[in-house]
Amino acid sequence: MEIVLVEDEKPAARYLARRLEALGYPVTKQLHSVAEAVAWFTTNSHPDLIFLDIQLSDGLSFEIFDQVQITSAIIFTTAYDEYALKAFKLNSIDYLLKPIDPEELSFALAKFKQNSIANSISIASLKQLLQVNESSKTYKERFVVKIGQQIKIISVADVLCFFSENKATYLKTLENRDYLLDGSLETIENELDNKNFFRINRKFIIQRAAIADIHLFSNSRLKVSLKNFISEHLIVSREKVSEFKQWIN
C-alpha cells in the first residue's frame, strides 16, 4: 500500500511517518505545502491513501483539489474543534485529531483496510463548513495563571507572545513577565483568534499588535522584534513566511 503525507510541520510529518512505519506501513512521500502537493500529484501516480493536514503553510489543503483530480482515499489530520469533526464524520471522512494518538491511528488504518474510503467528497461543502465553523467559533479572551497561592487573570490583549521552553508552555505579557500555562502550544494556538495571533515557528506564537520590527533573515526567513522583547528565537520559519506576510497585511 502506498501512503503519502501532506503536512507542513516537518516534525509532525516525521512523527506520523514513524508511527505508520512501526505499524508496517512505510510512507512513499512527504509533502509540505499546497504548491508542493499540486506539483507532485500532477506528475506522479496517486497513492492508495493520503494523510492530509487541513491548514498548510501556504493555504488550506482543499486548494489542492481545485487544481488536481485526486483519486486516493483521504484521512484528514486536523486541530479543528469538535463541531467540525462531527461534521467530517457526517460527510464520511475519516480524521485524526492532533496530536495524533497511536491507537486512533491504528483504528483509522483498520477502517481504511476494511472499507476503503472513496474520494467522492464535496470539497466545496467542506470549505463552506469550515468557514461557518470559523465564523461562529469563540476564542479565548483571558488566561488564568497561578503565582504561588495567588490566581491571576491575564487578558489576551495584554499578551506579547506564547512560547514553549523545556517542555513547558508560557505566556509573556506586555510588561515582559512570563507565566506558566497548562496545555501545549498546539492547544493554545487553536484557542486564539488567528487574526490577532500567528505561530511563527515551533516555539513561538506572537500577537500582531506586539510587533515592533520585521527584518530579513538568512535562508529566506524573517526575524521579528516585539515591543519590549527581542530574542534570537523570534524567527519566522521558511515554510511560514508566505502565510505570515499575508497575515500582517
Protein backbone atom coordinates (compact mmCIF):
# COMPACT_ATOMS: atom_id res chain seq x y z
CA MET A 1 0.00 0.00 0.00
CA GLU A 2 1.34 3.42 -0.97
CA ILE A 3 0.89 6.28 1.51
CA VAL A 4 1.62 10.00 1.08
CA LEU A 5 1.70 12.53 3.92
CA VAL A 6 0.81 16.18 3.30
CA GLU A 7 1.85 18.08 6.44
CA ASP A 8 3.56 21.48 6.68
CA GLU A 9 5.17 20.91 10.09
CA LYS A 10 8.08 18.59 9.35
CA PRO A 11 8.44 17.28 12.94
CA ALA A 12 4.75 16.31 12.88
CA ALA A 13 5.24 14.64 9.48
CA ARG A 14 8.24 12.69 10.74
CA TYR A 15 6.33 11.62 13.84
CA LEU A 16 3.38 10.33 11.79
CA ALA A 17 5.73 8.60 9.35
CA ARG A 18 7.49 6.79 12.20
CA ARG A 19 4.15 5.68 13.64
CA LEU A 20 2.98 4.38 10.29
CA GLU A 21 6.23 2.56 9.62
CA ALA A 22 6.08 0.96 13.08
CA LEU A 23 2.67 -0.43 12.08
CA GLY A 24 4.12 -1.83 8.87
CA TYR A 25 3.01 0.97 6.52
CA PRO A 26 6.05 2.74 5.04
CA VAL A 27 5.44 6.23 3.69
CA THR A 28 6.08 6.75 -0.02
CA LYS A 29 6.37 10.54 0.04
CA GLN A 30 6.14 13.52 2.39
CA LEU A 31 4.80 16.84 1.03
CA HIS A 32 4.75 20.09 2.98
CA SER A 33 2.67 22.69 1.13
CA VAL A 34 -0.21 23.17 -1.29
CA ALA A 35 2.20 24.09 -4.09
CA GLU A 36 4.44 21.08 -3.48
CA ALA A 37 1.45 18.73 -3.29
CA VAL A 38 -0.06 20.05 -6.52
CA ALA A 39 3.24 19.65 -8.35
CA TRP A 40 3.78 16.10 -7.06
CA PHE A 41 0.23 14.83 -7.65
CA THR A 42 0.28 16.32 -11.16
CA THR A 43 3.36 14.35 -12.20
CA ASN A 44 3.06 11.13 -10.15
CA SER A 45 0.57 8.29 -9.84
CA HIS A 46 -1.69 8.75 -6.87
CA PRO A 47 -1.20 6.60 -3.75
CA ASP A 48 -3.76 4.35 -2.08
CA LEU A 49 -4.05 6.66 0.93
CA ILE A 50 -3.24 10.29 1.76
CA PHE A 51 -2.89 11.71 5.25
CA LEU A 52 -3.82 15.33 4.66
CA ASP A 53 -3.36 18.24 7.08
CA ILE A 54 -6.07 20.87 6.63
CA GLN A 55 -4.04 24.01 7.36
CA LEU A 56 -0.80 24.15 5.36
CA SER A 57 1.83 26.88 5.28
CA ASP A 58 0.56 28.37 2.01
CA GLY A 59 -3.18 27.84 2.43
CA LEU A 60 -5.90 25.28 3.09
CA SER A 61 -5.21 21.83 1.69
CA PHE A 62 -8.59 21.96 -0.08
CA GLU A 63 -6.89 24.19 -2.66
CA ILE A 64 -5.09 21.08 -3.90
CA PHE A 65 -8.42 19.69 -5.12
CA ASP A 66 -9.06 22.87 -7.10
CA GLN A 67 -6.03 22.09 -9.25
CA VAL A 68 -5.70 18.28 -9.27
CA GLN A 69 -8.27 15.49 -9.51
CA ILE A 70 -7.26 13.34 -6.53
CA THR A 71 -8.22 9.66 -6.77
CA SER A 72 -6.80 8.49 -3.43
CA ALA A 73 -8.58 7.77 -0.18
CA ILE A 74 -8.00 10.54 2.38
CA ILE A 75 -7.64 10.68 6.13
CA PHE A 76 -7.53 14.25 7.41
CA THR A 77 -5.26 15.31 10.23
CA THR A 78 -6.65 18.36 11.97
CA ALA A 79 -6.63 20.60 15.02
CA TYR A 80 -10.18 21.85 14.36
CA ASP A 81 -12.70 21.68 17.17
CA GLU A 82 -15.35 19.08 17.89
CA TYR A 83 -18.08 20.77 15.84
CA ALA A 84 -16.08 20.45 12.65
CA LEU A 85 -15.02 16.91 13.49
CA LYS A 86 -18.62 15.78 13.90
CA ALA A 87 -19.38 17.28 10.52
CA PHE A 88 -16.47 15.39 8.97
CA LYS A 89 -17.99 12.16 10.26
CA LEU A 90 -21.35 13.05 8.79
CA ASN A 91 -19.61 13.51 5.44
CA SER A 92 -17.98 10.04 5.76
CA ILE A 93 -14.47 11.43 6.07
CA ASP A 94 -12.01 9.91 8.47
CA TYR A 95 -9.88 12.22 10.59
CA LEU A 96 -7.15 12.17 13.21
CA LEU A 97 -7.12 14.93 15.81
CA LYS A 98 -3.72 16.41 16.58
CA PRO A 99 -1.66 15.47 18.49
CA ILE A 100 -2.22 12.09 16.86
CA ASP A 101 -2.94 9.22 19.22
CA PRO A 102 -1.31 5.89 18.19
CA GLU A 103 -4.47 3.92 18.96
CA GLU A 104 -6.60 6.28 16.85
CA LEU A 105 -4.09 5.92 14.03
CA SER A 106 -4.34 2.13 14.18
CA PHE A 107 -8.14 2.33 14.20
CA ALA A 108 -8.20 4.65 11.17
CA LEU A 109 -5.93 2.33 9.22
CA ALA A 110 -8.07 -0.69 10.12
CA LYS A 111 -11.17 1.16 8.99
CA PHE A 112 -9.48 2.06 5.72
CA LYS A 113 -8.47 -1.56 5.07
CA GLN A 114 -11.98 -2.83 5.78
CA ASN A 115 -13.73 -0.28 3.64
CA SER A 116 -11.51 1.93 1.53
CA ILE A 117 -12.89 5.48 1.54
CA ALA A 118 -13.76 6.60 -1.96
CA ASN A 119 -12.82 10.17 -2.78
CA SER A 120 -16.38 11.21 -3.56
CA ILE A 121 -16.39 14.06 -1.04
CA SER A 122 -17.69 17.53 -1.74
CA ILE A 123 -14.72 19.82 -1.20
CA ALA A 124 -16.94 22.88 -1.72
CA SER A 125 -19.22 21.69 1.07
CA LEU A 126 -16.26 21.17 3.39
CA LYS A 127 -14.89 24.64 2.64
CA GLN A 128 -18.28 26.13 3.47
CA LEU A 129 -18.50 24.03 6.61
CA LEU A 130 -15.15 25.24 7.89
CA GLN A 131 -15.94 28.86 7.03
CA VAL A 132 -19.19 28.62 9.00
CA ASN A 133 -17.37 26.94 11.84
CA GLU A 134 -14.69 29.63 11.95
CA SER A 135 -17.22 32.49 11.85
CA SER A 136 -19.18 31.01 14.76
CA LYS A 137 -16.14 30.00 16.77
CA THR A 138 -15.47 31.76 20.06
CA TYR A 139 -11.91 32.47 21.08
CA LYS A 140 -10.21 32.64 24.43
CA GLU A 141 -10.27 36.14 25.90
CA ARG A 142 -8.26 35.57 29.08
CA PHE A 143 -5.88 33.13 30.71
CA VAL A 144 -5.86 32.14 34.35
CA VAL A 145 -2.38 31.64 35.80
CA LYS A 146 -1.19 30.60 39.23
CA ILE A 147 1.54 32.51 41.06
CA GLY A 148 2.28 30.67 44.28
CA GLN A 149 -1.01 30.80 46.18
CA GLN A 150 -2.34 33.65 44.02
CA ILE A 151 -4.59 33.34 40.96
CA LYS A 152 -4.09 35.98 38.26
CA ILE A 153 -6.27 36.67 35.22
CA ILE A 154 -4.47 37.93 32.12
CA SER A 155 -6.38 39.30 29.13
CA VAL A 156 -5.19 38.15 25.70
CA ALA A 157 -4.84 41.85 24.83
CA ASP A 158 -2.03 42.01 27.40
CA VAL A 159 -0.13 39.07 25.92
CA LEU A 160 3.04 39.72 23.97
CA CYS A 161 3.55 36.12 22.90
CA PHE A 162 3.23 32.47 23.89
CA PHE A 163 6.26 30.19 23.83
CA SER A 164 7.45 26.72 24.74
CA GLU A 165 10.63 26.01 26.67
CA ASN A 166 11.92 22.83 28.32
CA LYS A 167 8.65 21.00 27.51
CA ALA A 168 6.60 23.70 29.27
CA THR A 169 4.36 26.44 27.84
CA TYR A 170 4.44 30.11 28.89
CA LEU A 171 2.83 33.41 28.07
CA LYS A 172 4.80 36.64 28.08
CA THR A 173 2.96 39.86 28.96
CA LEU A 174 3.49 43.38 27.63
CA GLU A 175 5.41 44.03 30.86
CA ASN A 176 7.81 41.26 29.77
CA ARG A 177 6.77 38.91 32.58
CA ASP A 178 6.46 35.16 31.98
CA TYR A 179 3.70 32.92 33.36
CA LEU A 180 3.47 29.13 33.18
CA LEU A 181 0.37 27.74 31.43
CA ASP A 182 -1.36 24.41 31.32
CA GLY A 183 -1.60 22.75 27.94
CA SER A 184 0.59 22.61 24.86
CA LEU A 185 1.36 25.37 22.38
CA GLU A 186 -0.79 23.48 19.85
CA THR A 187 -3.80 23.61 22.21
CA ILE A 188 -3.33 27.32 22.86
CA GLU A 189 -2.94 28.05 19.14
CA ASN A 190 -6.36 26.54 18.48
CA GLU A 191 -7.92 28.71 21.22
CA LEU A 192 -6.65 32.02 19.79
CA ASP A 193 -8.10 34.25 17.10
CA ASN A 194 -5.74 33.81 14.17
CA LYS A 195 -6.47 37.35 13.06
CA ASN A 196 -4.50 38.56 16.07
CA PHE A 197 -2.08 35.71 16.76
CA PHE A 198 0.30 33.81 14.50
CA ARG A 199 2.55 30.83 15.15
CA ILE A 200 5.84 31.83 13.57
CA ASN A 201 7.69 28.59 14.39
CA ARG A 202 7.52 25.55 16.65
CA LYS A 203 8.33 27.58 19.75
CA PHE A 204 6.51 30.93 19.41
CA ILE A 205 3.02 32.36 18.86
CA ILE A 206 3.12 36.15 18.60
CA GLN A 207 0.48 38.87 18.78
CA ARG A 208 0.13 41.19 15.79
CA ALA A 209 -0.20 44.33 17.94
CA ALA A 210 3.05 43.47 19.74
CA ILE A 211 5.24 43.51 16.61
CA ALA A 212 7.83 46.30 16.68
CA ASP A 213 10.06 45.44 13.69
CA ILE A 214 10.48 42.79 11.00
CA HIS A 215 13.83 42.15 9.30
CA LEU A 216 15.07 39.90 6.52
CA PHE A 217 16.97 36.91 7.86
CA SER A 218 19.06 34.10 6.41
CA ASN A 219 17.62 31.26 4.29
CA SER A 220 14.60 33.32 3.15
CA ARG A 221 13.34 33.68 6.71
CA LEU A 222 12.20 36.73 8.69
CA LYS A 223 13.26 37.94 12.12
CA VAL A 224 10.70 39.63 14.36
CA SER A 225 11.21 42.04 17.24
CA LEU A 226 8.36 42.52 19.70
CA LYS A 227 7.71 45.51 21.92
CA ASN A 228 9.95 45.27 24.99
CA PHE A 229 11.25 41.88 23.83
CA ILE A 230 13.99 40.94 21.37
CA SER A 231 15.02 37.29 21.03
CA GLU A 232 17.19 35.32 18.62
CA HIS A 233 14.41 32.71 18.56
CA LEU A 234 11.75 35.03 17.09
CA ILE A 235 12.35 33.74 13.56
CA VAL A 236 9.53 33.12 11.09
CA SER A 237 10.28 29.66 9.68
CA ARG A 238 10.78 29.49 5.94
CA GLU A 239 7.64 27.38 5.46
CA LYS A 240 5.51 30.05 7.16
CA VAL A 241 6.96 33.23 5.58
CA SER A 242 4.37 33.47 2.78
CA GLU A 243 1.44 32.98 5.18
CA PHE A 244 2.99 35.41 7.66
CA LYS A 245 3.27 38.14 5.00
CA GLN A 246 -0.40 37.71 4.17
CA TRP A 247 -1.30 37.79 7.88
CA ILE A 248 0.45 41.13 8.58
CA ASN A 249 -1.10 42.87 5.55
